[in-house]
Protein backbone atom coordinates (compact mmCIF):
# COMPACT_ATOMS: atom_id res chain seq x y z
CA MET A 1 -10.16 -42.40 14.81
CA ASP A 2 -7.15 -40.45 15.90
CA ILE A 3 -4.49 -39.71 13.58
CA GLU A 4 -0.86 -40.30 14.58
CA ILE A 5 2.87 -39.52 13.71
CA GLU A 6 4.97 -42.86 14.15
CA CYS A 7 8.88 -42.26 13.98
CA LYS A 8 11.02 -45.05 14.08
CA VAL A 9 14.74 -45.75 15.45
CA GLY A 10 16.92 -43.20 13.60
CA ILE A 11 14.57 -40.80 12.51
CA ALA A 12 14.14 -37.43 14.17
CA ASP A 13 10.94 -36.95 16.27
CA VAL A 14 7.98 -34.88 14.30
CA GLU A 15 7.50 -31.44 16.12
CA GLN A 16 4.91 -31.58 18.72
CA GLY A 17 1.96 -29.19 18.09
CA GLY A 18 -0.18 -27.03 20.53
CA ALA A 19 -3.37 -27.82 22.00
CA VAL A 20 -6.13 -29.39 19.52
CA ARG A 21 -8.86 -27.07 18.66
CA GLN A 22 -11.88 -27.85 16.93
CA SER A 23 -13.97 -25.28 14.36
CA SER A 24 -16.76 -25.03 12.03
CA ILE A 25 -16.08 -24.11 8.40
CA ALA A 26 -19.74 -24.64 7.60
CA SER A 27 -22.65 -23.32 9.16
CA PRO A 28 -26.13 -24.79 8.38
CA ALA A 29 -26.96 -21.80 6.07
CA MET A 30 -23.79 -22.62 4.14
CA VAL A 31 -24.54 -26.13 3.58
CA ASP A 32 -27.34 -26.86 1.30
CA THR A 33 -29.49 -29.52 3.28
CA SER A 34 -30.49 -31.45 -0.03
CA ARG A 35 -26.78 -32.21 -0.41
CA ARG A 36 -25.93 -32.70 3.18
CA GLN A 37 -26.63 -36.36 3.27
CA ILE A 38 -24.69 -37.16 0.24
CA VAL A 39 -21.54 -35.19 0.89
CA LEU A 40 -21.50 -35.27 4.59
CA ARG A 41 -21.61 -38.74 6.65
CA GLY A 42 -24.02 -38.69 10.11
CA GLY A 43 -25.70 -35.46 8.94
CA SER A 44 -23.10 -33.65 10.76
CA LEU A 45 -21.50 -30.13 9.36
CA LEU A 46 -17.93 -30.04 7.91
CA ALA A 47 -15.74 -29.81 10.83
CA ALA A 48 -12.11 -28.83 11.06
CA THR A 49 -9.75 -30.21 13.79
CA LEU A 50 -6.70 -28.49 13.99
CA MET A 51 -3.60 -30.29 15.67
CA GLY A 52 -0.75 -28.18 16.59
CA ALA A 53 -0.83 -25.92 13.62
CA ALA A 54 2.32 -24.31 14.58
CA ARG A 55 2.00 -20.17 14.13
CA PRO A 56 4.78 -17.69 15.19
CA ALA A 57 4.50 -15.65 18.25
CA ALA A 58 3.83 -11.73 18.52
CA GLY A 59 7.18 -10.44 17.41
CA GLN A 60 8.91 -13.60 16.27
CA PRO A 61 9.78 -13.74 12.26
CA ALA A 62 7.63 -15.51 10.24
CA ARG A 63 8.16 -19.12 9.25
CA ALA A 64 9.95 -19.85 6.17
CA PRO A 65 8.20 -21.42 3.37
CA ALA A 66 7.23 -25.07 3.91
CA LEU A 67 5.58 -28.11 2.31
CA VAL A 68 1.87 -28.88 3.23
CA ALA A 69 0.69 -32.38 2.42
CA TYR A 70 -3.09 -33.31 2.00
CA VAL A 71 -4.19 -36.43 2.14
CA GLY A 72 -7.57 -38.11 0.79
CA CYS A 73 -9.08 -41.35 1.89
CA ARG A 74 -12.06 -43.78 1.83
CA THR A 75 -14.62 -43.18 4.52
CA SER A 76 -17.91 -45.51 3.95
CA LYS A 77 -18.98 -48.56 5.51
CA GLU A 78 -19.32 -50.37 2.07
CA ARG A 79 -15.92 -49.76 1.31
CA ASN A 80 -14.88 -51.46 4.68
CA ALA A 81 -12.97 -47.85 5.19
CA ARG A 82 -11.65 -46.23 8.29
CA GLY A 83 -10.90 -42.67 6.94
CA GLU A 84 -12.23 -39.62 8.37
CA GLY A 85 -11.67 -37.03 6.20
CA ILE A 86 -9.03 -34.80 4.23
CA GLY A 87 -6.09 -34.62 6.29
CA ALA A 88 -3.63 -31.92 6.07
CA TYR A 89 0.40 -32.46 7.40
CA ARG A 90 3.27 -30.01 7.39
CA MET A 91 6.46 -31.79 6.27
CA ASP A 92 9.78 -31.45 6.99
CA ALA A 93 11.87 -31.09 3.98
CA ALA A 94 15.26 -32.38 5.64
CA THR A 95 13.86 -35.87 7.51
CA GLY A 96 10.53 -36.15 5.24
CA ALA A 97 8.69 -36.14 8.62
CA TRP A 98 4.87 -35.06 8.76
CA SER A 99 3.38 -33.28 11.48
CA PRO A 100 -0.63 -33.02 11.09
CA ILE A 101 -2.28 -29.15 11.04
CA GLN A 102 -5.81 -30.23 10.11
CA LEU A 103 -8.51 -32.78 9.72
CA LEU A 104 -11.43 -32.00 7.68
CA LYS A 105 -14.02 -34.70 9.10
CA ASP A 106 -17.35 -36.05 8.05
CA ILE A 107 -16.22 -35.55 4.23
CA ALA A 108 -17.74 -38.62 2.21
CA ASN A 109 -15.29 -40.56 0.29
CA PRO A 110 -12.86 -37.89 -0.72
CA SER A 111 -10.77 -40.45 -2.58
CA PHE A 112 -8.71 -38.01 -5.23
CA LEU A 113 -7.68 -34.49 -4.90
CA ALA A 114 -6.52 -31.83 -6.84
CA PHE A 115 -5.49 -28.00 -6.96
CA ASP A 116 -6.44 -25.57 -9.45
CA ARG A 117 -3.49 -23.95 -11.48
CA THR A 118 -3.02 -21.32 -8.85
CA GLN A 119 -3.01 -23.57 -6.26
CA LYS A 120 -5.38 -21.33 -3.74
CA PHE A 121 -8.16 -23.98 -4.03
CA LEU A 122 -8.53 -27.63 -3.53
CA TYR A 123 -10.98 -29.99 -4.90
CA ALA A 124 -12.01 -33.40 -3.92
CA VAL A 125 -14.11 -36.13 -5.57
CA HIS A 126 -16.72 -38.03 -3.52
CA GLY A 127 -15.81 -41.57 -4.42
CA ASP A 128 -19.09 -43.67 -4.96
CA LEU A 129 -21.35 -40.88 -5.08
CA GLY A 130 -21.84 -38.26 -7.89
CA GLU A 131 -20.38 -35.13 -6.83
CA VAL A 132 -17.04 -32.87 -6.41
CA SER A 133 -16.20 -30.20 -3.49
CA ALA A 134 -14.49 -27.11 -3.57
CA PHE A 135 -12.29 -25.92 -0.82
CA ARG A 136 -10.52 -22.53 -0.29
CA ILE A 137 -6.67 -22.87 0.99
CA ASP A 138 -5.38 -20.17 3.50
CA ALA A 139 -2.27 -19.10 1.89
CA ASN A 140 -0.20 -18.55 5.50
CA SER A 141 -1.46 -21.88 7.41
CA GLY A 142 -2.16 -24.00 4.48
CA GLU A 143 -5.67 -24.98 6.14
CA LEU A 144 -8.89 -25.66 4.05
CA ALA A 145 -12.34 -24.10 4.37
CA PHE A 146 -15.23 -25.72 2.66
CA LEU A 147 -16.73 -23.56 -0.23
CA ASN A 148 -19.33 -25.57 -2.15
CA THR A 149 -20.32 -28.85 -3.43
CA GLN A 150 -21.60 -29.52 -7.26
CA ASP A 151 -23.01 -32.78 -9.18
CA CYS A 152 -20.41 -34.29 -11.44
CA GLY A 153 -22.53 -35.97 -14.10
CA GLY A 154 -22.07 -39.43 -13.36
CA ARG A 155 -21.19 -41.66 -10.39
CA ASN A 156 -18.06 -42.61 -8.67
CA PRO A 157 -15.94 -39.82 -9.72
CA VAL A 158 -12.18 -41.00 -9.38
CA HIS A 159 -9.84 -38.22 -10.90
CA LEU A 160 -9.99 -34.55 -11.98
CA THR A 161 -8.06 -32.08 -13.84
CA PRO A 162 -8.34 -28.67 -14.26
CA ASP A 163 -8.72 -27.09 -18.01
CA LEU A 164 -5.42 -24.93 -19.21
CA THR A 165 -7.69 -21.63 -18.36
CA ASN A 166 -8.41 -22.68 -14.97
CA ARG A 167 -11.90 -21.90 -15.84
CA PHE A 168 -13.39 -25.37 -15.82
CA MET A 169 -12.72 -28.94 -14.00
CA ILE A 170 -12.68 -32.12 -15.98
CA VAL A 171 -13.87 -35.11 -13.96
CA ALA A 172 -13.40 -38.85 -14.98
CA ASN A 173 -16.71 -40.83 -13.84
CA TYR A 174 -15.73 -44.35 -13.39
CA ALA A 175 -19.10 -46.18 -12.70
CA THR A 176 -20.80 -44.25 -15.47
CA GLY A 177 -18.31 -44.25 -17.99
CA THR A 178 -18.62 -40.30 -18.35
CA MET A 179 -16.46 -37.29 -18.16
CA GLY A 180 -18.34 -34.35 -16.59
CA VAL A 181 -17.22 -30.51 -16.95
CA LEU A 182 -17.73 -28.09 -14.18
CA ALA A 183 -17.03 -24.46 -14.33
CA ILE A 184 -14.68 -23.11 -11.74
CA ASN A 185 -15.86 -19.60 -10.38
CA ALA A 186 -13.49 -16.67 -9.46
CA ASP A 187 -14.01 -17.39 -5.72
CA GLY A 188 -12.84 -20.95 -6.32
CA ALA A 189 -16.38 -22.50 -5.99
CA LEU A 190 -17.49 -24.83 -8.44
CA GLY A 191 -20.23 -23.65 -10.77
CA PRO A 192 -22.94 -26.04 -12.40
CA LEU A 193 -22.29 -29.02 -14.64
CA GLY A 194 -21.82 -27.79 -18.32
CA ASP A 195 -20.79 -30.86 -20.50
CA VAL A 196 -21.23 -34.61 -19.97
CA VAL A 197 -19.19 -37.01 -22.56
CA LYS A 198 -19.41 -40.57 -22.58
CA LEU A 199 -16.61 -42.93 -23.54
CA PRO A 200 -16.73 -44.94 -26.65
CA ASP A 201 -18.25 -48.59 -26.40
CA GLY A 202 -16.20 -51.73 -26.35
CA LEU A 203 -15.53 -53.64 -23.26
CA GLY A 204 -12.61 -56.01 -22.10
CA PRO A 205 -13.31 -59.81 -21.04
CA HIS A 206 -13.10 -59.48 -17.31
CA LYS A 207 -16.30 -60.65 -16.28
CA THR A 208 -16.80 -58.31 -13.16
CA GLN A 209 -14.20 -55.45 -13.82
CA GLN A 210 -14.92 -54.68 -17.37
CA THR A 211 -18.79 -54.86 -17.57
CA PHE A 212 -19.00 -50.93 -18.55
CA SER A 213 -16.40 -48.16 -19.65
CA HIS A 214 -14.57 -46.96 -16.75
CA PRO A 215 -12.32 -43.96 -16.98
CA HIS A 216 -9.80 -43.93 -14.20
CA HIS A 217 -7.43 -40.69 -15.33
CA VAL A 218 -7.73 -37.70 -17.09
CA PRO A 219 -4.54 -35.88 -17.23
CA TYR A 220 -3.11 -33.57 -19.80
CA ASP A 221 0.03 -34.54 -22.32
CA PRO A 222 3.25 -32.58 -21.63
CA GLY A 223 2.17 -30.32 -24.49
CA ASN A 224 -1.05 -29.37 -22.72
CA ARG A 225 -2.87 -29.98 -26.12
CA PHE A 226 -4.79 -33.34 -25.28
CA LEU A 227 -6.60 -35.21 -22.17
CA ILE A 228 -5.42 -38.61 -21.96
CA VAL A 229 -8.06 -40.98 -20.47
CA PRO A 230 -7.05 -44.85 -19.68
CA ASP A 231 -10.25 -46.84 -19.85
CA LYS A 232 -10.32 -49.79 -17.53
CA GLY A 233 -13.45 -51.35 -18.52
CA GLY A 234 -12.61 -50.85 -22.30
CA ASP A 235 -8.88 -51.94 -22.63
CA LYS A 236 -8.27 -48.77 -24.28
CA THR A 237 -6.97 -45.24 -23.91
CA CYS A 238 -9.08 -42.39 -25.08
CA VAL A 239 -7.70 -38.96 -26.39
CA TYR A 240 -9.88 -35.97 -26.17
CA THR A 241 -9.51 -32.32 -26.81
CA PHE A 242 -11.19 -29.55 -24.74
CA ASP A 243 -12.55 -26.27 -26.06
CA PRO A 244 -12.59 -23.38 -23.19
CA ALA A 245 -14.51 -20.87 -25.17
CA THR A 246 -17.49 -23.80 -25.05
CA GLY A 247 -16.47 -25.79 -22.04
CA LYS A 248 -16.63 -28.88 -24.39
CA LEU A 249 -14.81 -32.15 -24.69
CA ALA A 250 -14.28 -33.68 -28.44
CA ALA A 251 -12.73 -36.91 -29.22
CA ASN A 252 -9.34 -36.68 -30.72
CA THR A 253 -8.69 -38.71 -34.39
CA PRO A 254 -8.20 -41.65 -33.91
CA PRO A 255 -10.22 -41.65 -30.72
CA PHE A 256 -8.07 -44.18 -28.84
CA VAL A 257 -5.63 -46.73 -29.07
CA LYS A 258 -6.21 -50.51 -28.03
CA SER A 259 -4.43 -52.38 -24.95
CA ARG A 260 -3.91 -56.05 -24.80
CA GLU A 261 -7.41 -57.69 -24.00
CA GLY A 262 -7.68 -58.03 -20.43
CA ALA A 263 -4.93 -55.32 -19.47
CA GLY A 264 -7.25 -52.86 -17.89
CA PRO A 265 -5.43 -49.42 -18.14
CA ARG A 266 -5.68 -47.45 -15.05
CA HIS A 267 -3.46 -44.29 -14.98
CA ILE A 268 -0.92 -43.00 -17.47
CA ALA A 269 2.62 -40.97 -16.75
CA PHE A 270 4.56 -39.06 -19.29
CA HIS A 271 8.03 -38.83 -19.82
CA PRO A 272 9.41 -35.28 -19.18
CA THR A 273 11.68 -34.74 -22.22
CA LEU A 274 11.18 -37.90 -24.20
CA PRO A 275 8.14 -38.47 -26.68
CA PHE A 276 7.23 -41.70 -24.73
CA ALA A 277 4.60 -42.61 -21.97
CA TYR A 278 4.03 -45.19 -19.74
CA LEU A 279 0.70 -47.06 -18.80
CA ALA A 280 -0.24 -48.87 -15.41
CA ASN A 281 -2.33 -51.69 -16.70
CA GLU A 282 -4.39 -52.46 -13.67
CA LEU A 283 -5.91 -56.17 -14.22
CA ASP A 284 -3.16 -57.97 -15.83
CA SER A 285 -0.29 -56.21 -13.47
CA THR A 286 2.00 -54.86 -16.50
CA ILE A 287 3.47 -51.67 -17.42
CA ALA A 288 3.14 -50.58 -21.01
CA THR A 289 5.49 -48.61 -22.98
CA CYS A 290 4.06 -46.09 -25.52
CA ALA A 291 5.32 -43.63 -28.04
CA TRP A 292 3.55 -40.60 -28.18
CA ASP A 293 2.90 -38.14 -30.98
CA SER A 294 2.36 -35.03 -29.74
CA ALA A 295 1.29 -33.55 -32.78
CA LYS A 296 -1.82 -35.93 -33.55
CA GLY A 297 -2.57 -36.85 -30.13
CA VAL A 298 -1.55 -40.57 -30.83
CA LEU A 299 -0.24 -43.41 -28.56
CA LYS A 300 1.79 -46.30 -29.92
CA PRO A 301 2.23 -49.40 -27.80
CA LEU A 302 6.33 -50.43 -27.82
CA GLN A 303 6.74 -52.54 -24.85
CA ILE A 304 4.97 -54.66 -22.03
CA LEU A 305 6.31 -55.83 -18.99
CA PRO A 306 5.25 -57.31 -15.83
CA SER A 307 4.68 -55.13 -12.82
CA THR A 308 5.81 -58.11 -10.24
CA PRO A 309 8.89 -59.97 -10.08
CA ALA A 310 9.05 -63.16 -11.99
CA ALA A 311 8.74 -65.47 -8.94
CA PHE A 312 5.72 -63.90 -7.69
CA VAL A 313 2.52 -65.78 -8.51
CA GLU A 314 -0.16 -64.76 -6.50
CA ASP A 315 -2.84 -62.29 -7.33
CA ASN A 316 -1.89 -58.76 -7.95
CA THR A 317 -3.28 -55.32 -9.32
CA THR A 318 -1.29 -52.26 -10.32
CA ALA A 319 -2.52 -48.77 -9.15
CA GLU A 320 -0.22 -45.47 -9.28
CA ILE A 321 2.55 -44.84 -11.76
CA ALA A 322 4.91 -41.99 -11.98
CA VAL A 323 7.99 -41.02 -13.76
CA THR A 324 10.85 -38.92 -12.31
CA ARG A 325 11.84 -35.30 -13.41
CA SER A 326 15.16 -36.65 -14.49
CA GLY A 327 13.01 -39.10 -16.64
CA LYS A 328 15.72 -41.86 -15.61
CA PHE A 329 13.16 -43.79 -13.60
CA VAL A 330 9.37 -45.09 -13.65
CA TYR A 331 7.51 -46.27 -10.36
CA ILE A 332 4.57 -48.36 -10.19
CA SER A 333 2.58 -49.44 -7.18
CA ASN A 334 1.29 -53.00 -6.80
CA ARG A 335 -1.30 -54.48 -4.61
CA GLY A 336 -0.87 -57.85 -3.87
CA HIS A 337 2.74 -58.12 -4.03
CA ASP A 338 2.24 -54.75 -1.67
CA SER A 339 5.51 -52.94 -3.46
CA ILE A 340 6.62 -50.04 -5.42
CA ALA A 341 8.59 -51.24 -8.41
CA CYS A 342 11.35 -49.14 -10.02
CA PHE A 343 12.18 -49.38 -13.69
CA ALA A 344 14.86 -47.64 -15.45
CA VAL A 345 14.40 -45.92 -18.51
CA ASP A 346 16.41 -46.01 -21.70
CA MET A 347 16.82 -42.76 -22.64
CA ALA A 348 17.43 -43.30 -26.36
CA THR A 349 14.34 -45.85 -26.88
CA GLY A 350 12.24 -45.17 -23.70
CA LEU A 351 11.98 -48.72 -23.09
CA LEU A 352 12.16 -50.07 -19.42
CA THR A 353 14.47 -52.49 -17.67
CA PRO A 354 13.17 -53.51 -14.02
CA ARG A 355 15.65 -52.16 -11.40
CA ALA A 356 13.90 -52.95 -8.09
CA TRP A 357 10.89 -53.80 -5.92
CA GLU A 358 10.50 -52.29 -2.26
CA SER A 359 8.06 -53.41 -0.13
CA THR A 360 5.38 -50.67 1.14
CA GLN A 361 5.33 -52.18 4.50
CA GLY A 362 1.65 -52.13 4.53
CA LYS A 363 -1.29 -53.53 2.52
CA GLN A 364 -2.83 -52.25 -0.62
CA PRO A 365 -0.56 -49.39 -2.26
CA ARG A 366 -3.72 -47.71 -3.94
CA PHE A 367 -1.34 -44.60 -4.30
CA PHE A 368 1.94 -42.88 -4.07
CA ALA A 369 3.45 -39.74 -4.34
CA LEU A 370 6.87 -38.07 -4.57
CA ASP A 371 7.57 -34.93 -2.86
CA PRO A 372 8.19 -32.15 -5.27
CA SER A 373 11.91 -32.10 -4.50
CA GLU A 374 11.90 -35.86 -5.51
CA THR A 375 13.77 -36.68 -2.09
CA PHE A 376 11.13 -39.02 -0.82
CA LEU A 377 8.29 -41.32 -1.86
CA TYR A 378 5.18 -41.95 0.05
CA ALA A 379 3.58 -45.12 -0.32
CA ALA A 380 -0.18 -44.89 0.86
CA ASN A 381 -1.27 -48.08 1.91
CA GLU A 382 -5.13 -48.15 1.96
CA ASN A 383 -6.04 -51.40 3.62
CA SER A 384 -3.31 -50.94 6.61
CA ASP A 385 -4.07 -47.37 7.47
CA THR A 386 -0.34 -46.06 7.04
CA ILE A 387 1.77 -43.58 4.60
CA VAL A 388 5.10 -45.00 4.47
CA SER A 389 8.26 -42.75 3.31
CA PHE A 390 10.95 -43.98 1.54
CA ARG A 391 14.15 -41.80 0.14
CA ILE A 392 15.02 -41.97 -3.22
CA ASP A 393 18.46 -42.50 -4.53
CA ALA A 394 18.53 -40.05 -7.46
CA GLU A 395 21.31 -42.23 -9.25
CA THR A 396 20.04 -45.72 -8.91
CA GLY A 397 16.36 -44.84 -8.28
CA ARG A 398 16.15 -47.30 -5.51
CA LEU A 399 14.12 -46.77 -2.57
CA THR A 400 15.29 -46.78 1.41
CA PRO A 401 12.70 -46.75 3.99
CA THR A 402 13.06 -43.89 6.23
CA GLY A 403 11.44 -45.24 9.36
CA GLN A 404 8.59 -42.63 9.25
CA SER A 405 5.24 -43.72 9.12
CA VAL A 406 1.91 -41.94 9.07
CA LYS A 407 -0.83 -43.11 10.54
CA THR A 408 -4.22 -42.51 8.85
CA GLY A 409 -7.44 -44.26 7.96
CA SER A 410 -7.77 -45.47 4.42
CA PRO A 411 -5.39 -43.20 2.41
CA THR A 412 -6.06 -42.81 -1.43
CA CYS A 413 -4.45 -39.83 -2.50
CA ILE A 414 -1.45 -37.39 -1.53
CA VAL A 415 -0.93 -33.67 -3.00
CA PHE A 416 1.75 -31.23 -1.87
CA ARG A 417 1.47 -27.35 -1.90
CA THR A 418 4.01 -24.76 -0.74
CA VAL A 419 2.88 -22.29 2.02
């Protein structure tokens, strides 16, 4: 399936690239044949399709720094997916338009992406499988080159985070209720699995979604002392510390805070300046405000609000959540209502008030991302194969469609890097 850029009325056309070329980034000698059928689809080698990567001609000045967006996706028939691999796009900072520069094909379910702390390397989980892959980023073009793949100590990895020393990658394994720790080598390649930790027992009441502990997110808190792990299966949010000297995870005391039964906490976002955090509860479509004790690593629930308008009575689940750098607004995505909800933050109490809901103009927005300047929000509609852009009003938090839409199969994650 080709990836296209669609620009609607009133929005400048994206730049048109040159000829398409295709290059191999992995030779048979570089790819372990024992892993090929797991990591790659159809038995083919990793391939890079370069679509209009703009480079200055001889004698012309170098291009000014620009943003590159990397997009992960689902690819498997089991997920009824239409994705092809990891896409890279150059972003126009003025209009928000994207122009494609690379597509790494035949990567199985690169459903979540993360950089190392230097942003020299990109890492992708292989959703529904049991592995993570590493890629080198070209400093000038932003293009990716495959490095290696390693076992992550569980099934269906869904999120990953580098530790503070940049020597380890911590992975949340959804299907097996575990977190795995992989070494990061000096060249960016992943080393072997060093630690596996199982989440505490205890399950929620949902008959199909809470039959096992399901860690879904593993970010650091703002003070970089604790790893916070929402457990959708256990209706709890766990807290861990990580020792870079040993490469081991350890449960905090207390080890978790409980959510309301059947809530299904999925992702968490911290306020940038105040001691509060916000949980996206997937199963009951709510957003929870929590006080955060940064000294003890303890969350305390303060408020629960529905993520959808009062008049919406159909099925819905939440997915992604983010707090603006100003701390004034929290955004959360709704799958079913197919919207991004905006909540205003009371800067004295941390409590939320619903402000607006904006349609994502597609189906099942599993993920959204704010660009680094927080000028634009990009909603990834997994089931309608689009990434739709919105301009953010910094004063009101409201979202306005730009008319830009990127067509790409089953998008599930977006990360940004300056080149």
